[in-house]
């Protein structure tokens, strides 16, 4: 990755990086790029597509059953502030 691109990304993410850090990140991206290029060399033409990574059935999973349901009033009764059936919390993002 170009050093200028790293500077732009760092600026967009509000990071202050010195030249040494930018150089290190650039080297790491180059290593990663070489590793990912390896996957392009793998022949997957005769590989069967998978939806689920395991051969075994997942019948051991239980069926979802509704139980112990709280009413909205019970769920909200300990909330400090509620508006229109929703818990109101302090703003956490600047």
Protein backbone atom coordinates (compact mmCIF):
# COMPACT_ATOMS: atom_id res chain seq x y z
CA UNK A 1 0.00 0.00 0.00
CA UNK A 2 1.26 3.46 -0.82
CA UNK A 3 2.43 5.61 2.05
CA UNK A 4 0.19 8.43 0.87
CA UNK A 5 -2.84 6.13 1.11
CA UNK A 6 -1.87 5.16 4.65
CA UNK A 7 -1.57 8.84 5.59
CA UNK A 8 -5.05 9.52 4.19
CA UNK A 9 -6.56 6.54 6.02
CA UNK A 10 -4.84 7.50 9.27
CA UNK A 11 -6.11 11.06 8.90
CA UNK A 12 -9.67 9.84 8.22
CA UNK A 13 -9.48 7.66 11.35
CA UNK A 14 -8.01 10.57 13.35
CA UNK A 15 -4.68 8.81 13.98
CA UNK A 16 -1.43 10.69 14.22
CA UNK A 17 1.29 8.51 12.68
CA UNK A 18 4.94 9.40 12.35
CA UNK A 19 7.03 8.39 9.33
CA UNK A 20 8.41 5.31 11.07
CA UNK A 21 4.91 4.02 11.89
CA UNK A 22 3.76 4.65 8.34
CA UNK A 23 6.76 2.70 7.03
CA UNK A 24 5.99 -0.22 9.38
CA UNK A 25 2.34 -0.30 8.33
CA UNK A 26 3.33 -0.15 4.67
CA UNK A 27 5.64 -3.17 5.13
CA UNK A 28 2.88 -5.09 6.95
CA UNK A 29 0.42 -4.39 4.13
CA UNK A 30 2.97 -5.59 1.58
CA UNK A 31 3.44 -8.85 3.53
CA UNK A 32 -0.32 -9.32 3.79
CA UNK A 33 -0.76 -8.63 0.09
CA UNK A 34 1.78 -11.35 -0.76
CA UNK A 35 0.02 -13.82 1.54
CA UNK A 36 -3.37 -13.08 0.00
CA UNK A 37 -1.95 -13.47 -3.51
CA UNK A 38 -1.30 -17.10 -2.59
CA UNK A 39 -5.07 -17.74 -2.58
CA UNK A 40 -5.33 -16.60 -6.19
CA UNK A 41 -3.01 -19.45 -7.16
CA UNK A 42 -5.23 -22.17 -5.67
CA UNK A 43 -7.23 -24.12 -8.25
CA UNK A 44 -10.83 -24.34 -7.03
CA UNK A 45 -12.46 -25.44 -10.30
CA UNK A 46 -13.41 -28.93 -9.08
CA UNK A 47 -14.24 -27.99 -5.50
CA UNK A 48 -17.84 -28.47 -4.43
CA UNK A 49 -19.45 -25.34 -2.99
CA UNK A 50 -20.37 -25.52 0.67
CA UNK A 51 -23.21 -23.95 2.57
CA UNK A 52 -22.20 -25.41 5.91
CA UNK A 53 -18.61 -26.39 6.77
CA UNK A 54 -19.43 -29.69 8.48
CA UNK A 55 -20.62 -32.97 7.00
CA UNK A 56 -22.54 -33.95 10.14
CA UNK A 57 -26.15 -32.97 10.58
CA UNK A 58 -26.97 -30.38 13.18
CA UNK A 59 -29.99 -32.22 14.52
CA UNK A 60 -28.56 -31.97 18.03
CA UNK A 61 -29.71 -28.36 18.18
CA UNK A 62 -32.84 -27.87 20.21
CA UNK A 63 -36.02 -26.41 18.85
CA UNK A 64 -36.71 -22.84 19.92
CA UNK A 65 -39.55 -22.73 22.39
CA UNK A 66 -40.97 -19.55 23.87
CA UNK A 67 -40.93 -19.61 27.67
CA UNK A 68 -40.66 -17.21 30.59
CA UNK A 69 -41.69 -14.18 28.54
CA UNK A 70 -41.68 -10.83 30.33
CA UNK A 71 -44.31 -8.26 29.57
CA UNK A 72 -43.07 -4.91 28.28
CA UNK A 73 -44.09 -3.27 31.53
CA UNK A 74 -42.09 -5.79 33.58
CA UNK A 75 -39.06 -5.43 31.31
CA UNK A 76 -39.09 -1.62 31.58
CA UNK A 77 -40.07 -1.18 35.23
CA UNK A 78 -36.45 -0.81 36.47
CA UNK A 79 -35.28 1.48 33.66
CA UNK A 80 -34.32 4.97 34.79
CA UNK A 81 -35.97 6.66 31.79
CA UNK A 82 -38.49 5.27 29.31
CA UNK A 83 -40.03 7.05 26.32
CA UNK A 84 -42.65 5.39 24.09
CA UNK A 85 -41.79 1.93 25.39
CA UNK A 86 -38.02 2.29 24.86
CA UNK A 87 -35.22 2.58 27.40
CA UNK A 88 -33.46 5.95 27.09
CA UNK A 89 -29.72 5.96 27.81
CA UNK A 90 -27.18 8.79 27.88
CA UNK A 91 -25.53 9.70 24.60
CA UNK A 92 -22.14 7.95 24.35
CA UNK A 93 -20.91 9.24 20.96
CA UNK A 94 -19.46 12.70 20.52
